[in-house]
Amino acid sequence: MNATINIIGGESTLTLGLDFNQILDDNFAEVCKAVESKGFFLKEMVKLFIENSRVIDEIIQLLMKIDDRKEAAKRLCERFGISGITAHRILGMSLSDLTGLTANNLKSELEKYMACVANIR
């Protein structure tokens, strides 16, 4: 079975030794959880940017004051009204990725995500 993978700057074809449907069946719950988590994160981040254009600066300032990961997640949830899922995704981002976020690129990524999910259904 061949699968085409889009990579920045081009495409590559990968030959899979296993049946793709079997792989999907074996990992369906994890795939659904990951897809749902990403969509939830994107929606919450777009909402944050709409409400506050300087949200990234505030997030960084808050994170610089807290060393404990659990406490940081709790404070993010309290301060910005976001879910634990989104808080943990923010904590997992590099500083350069976090500072590179803009409302426009989040909206664009959310639109691509929604189109992808629509195609899966």
C-alpha atoms as a PDB file:
ATOM      1  CA  MET A   1       0.000   0.000   0.000  1.00  0.00           C
ATOM      2  CA  ASN A   2       1.300   3.471  -0.882  1.00  0.00           C
ATOM      3  CA  ALA A   3       0.530   6.666   0.974  1.00  0.00           C
ATOM      4  CA  THR A   4       1.473  10.144  -0.205  1.00  0.00           C
ATOM      5  CA  ILE A   5       2.798  12.399   2.510  1.00  0.00           C
ATOM      6  CA  ASN A   6       2.905  16.161   2.003  1.00  0.00           C
ATOM      7  CA  ILE A   7       6.116  17.616   3.332  1.00  0.00           C
ATOM      8  CA  ILE A   8       6.988  21.297   3.256  1.00  0.00           C
ATOM      9  CA  GLY A   9       8.738  21.765  -0.056  1.00  0.00           C
ATOM     10  CA  GLY A  10       7.344  18.683  -1.783  1.00  0.00           C
ATOM     11  CA  GLU A  11       5.734  15.278  -1.573  1.00  0.00           C
ATOM     12  CA  SER A  12       7.035  11.861  -0.715  1.00  0.00           C
ATOM     13  CA  THR A  13       5.510   8.420  -1.247  1.00  0.00           C
ATOM     14  CA  LEU A  14       5.729   5.895   1.562  1.00  0.00           C
ATOM     15  CA  THR A  15       5.049   2.198   1.095  1.00  0.00           C
ATOM     16  CA  LEU A  16       3.368   0.639   4.112  1.00  0.00           C
ATOM     17  CA  GLY A  17       3.905  -3.032   4.844  1.00  0.00           C
ATOM     18  CA  LEU A  18       0.753  -3.305   6.908  1.00  0.00           C
ATOM     19  CA  ASP A  19      -2.813  -2.794   5.829  1.00  0.00           C
ATOM     20  CA  PHE A  20      -3.678   0.840   6.543  1.00  0.00           C
ATOM     21  CA  ASN A  21      -7.208  -0.063   7.594  1.00  0.00           C
ATOM     22  CA  GLN A  22      -5.822  -2.464  10.194  1.00  0.00           C
ATOM     23  CA  ILE A  23      -3.470   0.210  11.515  1.00  0.00           C
ATOM     24  CA  LEU A  24      -6.365   2.665  11.750  1.00  0.00           C
ATOM     25  CA  ASP A  25      -8.612   0.091  13.443  1.00  0.00           C
ATOM     26  CA  ASP A  26      -5.891  -0.742  15.977  1.00  0.00           C
ATOM     27  CA  ASN A  27      -5.286   2.919  16.810  1.00  0.00           C
ATOM     28  CA  PHE A  28      -8.680   4.493  16.138  1.00  0.00           C
ATOM     29  CA  ALA A  29      -9.347   5.691  19.690  1.00  0.00           C
ATOM     30  CA  GLU A  30      -5.937   7.361  19.920  1.00  0.00           C
ATOM     31  CA  VAL A  31      -6.322   8.969  16.494  1.00  0.00           C
ATOM     32  CA  CYS A  32      -9.756  10.348  17.402  1.00  0.00           C
ATOM     33  CA  LYS A  33      -8.461  11.673  20.711  1.00  0.00           C
ATOM     34  CA  ALA A  34      -5.526  13.427  19.018  1.00  0.00           C
ATOM     35  CA  VAL A  35      -7.744  14.941  16.315  1.00  0.00           C
ATOM     36  CA  GLU A  36     -10.296  16.130  18.850  1.00  0.00           C
ATOM     37  CA  SER A  37      -7.583  17.595  21.078  1.00  0.00           C
ATOM     38  CA  LYS A  38      -6.036  19.583  18.224  1.00  0.00           C
ATOM     39  CA  GLY A  39      -9.412  20.974  17.142  1.00  0.00           C
ATOM     40  CA  PHE A  40     -10.309  21.939  20.681  1.00  0.00           C
ATOM     41  CA  PHE A  41      -6.931  23.652  21.132  1.00  0.00           C
ATOM     42  CA  LEU A  42      -7.259  25.625  17.884  1.00  0.00           C
ATOM     43  CA  LYS A  43     -10.794  26.787  18.697  1.00  0.00           C
ATOM     44  CA  GLU A  44      -9.807  27.946  22.179  1.00  0.00           C
ATOM     45  CA  MET A  45      -6.696  29.749  20.926  1.00  0.00           C
ATOM     46  CA  VAL A  46      -8.637  31.583  18.192  1.00  0.00           C
ATOM     47  CA  LYS A  47     -11.165  32.660  20.833  1.00  0.00           C
ATOM     48  CA  LEU A  48      -8.352  33.912  23.102  1.00  0.00           C
ATOM     49  CA  PHE A  49      -6.872  36.007  20.293  1.00  0.00           C
ATOM     50  CA  ILE A  50     -10.248  37.489  19.422  1.00  0.00           C
ATOM     51  CA  GLU A  51     -10.749  38.496  23.064  1.00  0.00           C
ATOM     52  CA  ASN A  52      -7.200  39.766  23.662  1.00  0.00           C
ATOM     53  CA  SER A  53      -4.625  40.488  20.959  1.00  0.00           C
ATOM     54  CA  ARG A  54      -1.789  40.546  23.540  1.00  0.00           C
ATOM     55  CA  VAL A  55      -2.663  37.150  24.986  1.00  0.00           C
ATOM     56  CA  ILE A  56       0.678  35.571  24.056  1.00  0.00           C
ATOM     57  CA  ASP A  57       2.607  38.244  25.968  1.00  0.00           C
ATOM     58  CA  GLU A  58       0.412  37.626  29.005  1.00  0.00           C
ATOM     59  CA  ILE A  59       0.868  33.858  28.740  1.00  0.00           C
ATOM     60  CA  ILE A  60       4.651  34.214  28.547  1.00  0.00           C
ATOM     61  CA  GLN A  61       4.724  36.591  31.523  1.00  0.00           C
ATOM     62  CA  LEU A  62       2.639  34.170  33.556  1.00  0.00           C
ATOM     63  CA  LEU A  63       4.839  31.189  32.613  1.00  0.00           C
ATOM     64  CA  MET A  64       8.051  33.042  33.485  1.00  0.00           C
ATOM     65  CA  LYS A  65       6.835  33.371  37.078  1.00  0.00           C
ATOM     66  CA  ILE A  66       5.994  29.685  37.622  1.00  0.00           C
ATOM     67  CA  ASP A  67       8.384  26.706  37.625  1.00  0.00           C
ATOM     68  CA  ASP A  68       5.889  23.944  38.443  1.00  0.00           C
ATOM     69  CA  ARG A  69       4.137  22.564  35.341  1.00  0.00           C
ATOM     70  CA  LYS A  70       0.906  21.619  37.157  1.00  0.00           C
ATOM     71  CA  GLU A  71       0.686  25.043  38.773  1.00  0.00           C
ATOM     72  CA  ALA A  72       1.340  26.728  35.415  1.00  0.00           C
ATOM     73  CA  ALA A  73      -1.453  24.739  33.772  1.00  0.00           C
ATOM     74  CA  LYS A  74      -3.812  25.589  36.625  1.00  0.00           C
ATOM     75  CA  ARG A  75      -2.991  29.303  36.404  1.00  0.00           C
ATOM     76  CA  LEU A  76      -3.444  29.330  32.605  1.00  0.00           C
ATOM     77  CA  CYS A  77      -6.876  27.744  33.014  1.00  0.00           C
ATOM     78  CA  GLU A  78      -7.886  30.203  35.730  1.00  0.00           C
ATOM     79  CA  ARG A  79      -6.545  33.335  34.043  1.00  0.00           C
ATOM     80  CA  PHE A  80      -7.707  32.668  30.499  1.00  0.00           C
ATOM     81  CA  GLY A  81     -10.673  30.351  31.009  1.00  0.00           C
ATOM     82  CA  ILE A  82      -9.142  27.613  28.876  1.00  0.00           C
ATOM     83  CA  SER A  83      -9.299  23.859  29.246  1.00  0.00           C
ATOM     84  CA  GLY A  84      -6.567  21.700  30.703  1.00  0.00           C
ATOM     85  CA  ILE A  85      -6.032  20.282  27.198  1.00  0.00           C
ATOM     86  CA  THR A  86      -5.199  23.715  25.825  1.00  0.00           C
ATOM     87  CA  ALA A  87      -3.083  24.643  28.840  1.00  0.00           C
ATOM     88  CA  HIS A  88      -0.957  21.517  28.449  1.00  0.00           C
ATOM     89  CA  ARG A  89      -0.577  22.078  24.700  1.00  0.00           C
ATOM     90  CA  ILE A  90       0.633  25.624  25.408  1.00  0.00           C
ATOM     91  CA  LEU A  91       3.104  24.289  27.977  1.00  0.00           C
ATOM     92  CA  GLY A  92       4.403  21.830  25.392  1.00  0.00           C
ATOM     93  CA  MET A  93       5.157  24.555  22.853  1.00  0.00           C
ATOM     94  CA  SER A  94       8.598  26.035  22.366  1.00  0.00           C
ATOM     95  CA  LEU A  95       8.976  29.748  23.031  1.00  0.00           C
ATOM     96  CA  SER A  96       9.544  30.430  19.328  1.00  0.00           C
ATOM     97  CA  ASP A  97       6.370  28.524  18.388  1.00  0.00           C
ATOM     98  CA  LEU A  98       4.402  30.340  21.059  1.00  0.00           C
ATOM     99  CA  THR A  99       5.618  33.796  20.043  1.00  0.00           C
ATOM    100  CA  GLY A 100       4.989  32.950  16.380  1.00  0.00           C
ATOM    101  CA  LEU A 101       1.275  32.440  16.940  1.00  0.00           C
ATOM    102  CA  THR A 102      -1.033  35.006  15.397  1.00  0.00           C
ATOM    103  CA  ALA A 103      -4.785  35.196  15.102  1.00  0.00           C
ATOM    104  CA  ASN A 104      -4.535  34.833  11.327  1.00  0.00           C
ATOM    105  CA  ASN A 105      -2.328  31.738  11.334  1.00  0.00           C
ATOM    106  CA  LEU A 106      -4.494  30.104  14.007  1.00  0.00           C
ATOM    107  CA  LYS A 107      -7.652  30.837  12.008  1.00  0.00           C
ATOM    108  CA  SER A 108      -6.007  29.460   8.881  1.00  0.00           C
ATOM    109  CA  GLU A 109      -4.890  26.315  10.691  1.00  0.00           C
ATOM    110  CA  LEU A 110      -8.382  25.887  12.169  1.00  0.00           C
ATOM    111  CA  GLU A 111      -9.955  26.184   8.706  1.00  0.00           C
ATOM    112  CA  LYS A 112      -7.551  23.544   7.335  1.00  0.00           C
ATOM    113  CA  TYR A 113      -8.303  21.318  10.301  1.00  0.00           C
ATOM    114  CA  MET A 114     -12.070  21.642   9.824  1.00  0.00           C
ATOM    115  CA  ALA A 115     -11.748  20.853   6.100  1.00  0.00           C
ATOM    116  CA  CYS A 116      -9.633  17.798   6.899  1.00  0.00           C
ATOM    117  CA  VAL A 117     -12.154  16.530   9.467  1.00  0.00           C
ATOM    118  CA  ALA A 118     -14.995  17.115   6.989  1.00  0.00           C
ATOM    119  CA  ASN A 119     -13.145  15.011   4.403  1.00  0.00           C
ATOM    120  CA  ILE A 120     -12.678  12.181   6.897  1.00  0.00           C
ATOM    121  CA  ARG A 121     -16.376  12.034   7.668  1.00  0.00           C
END
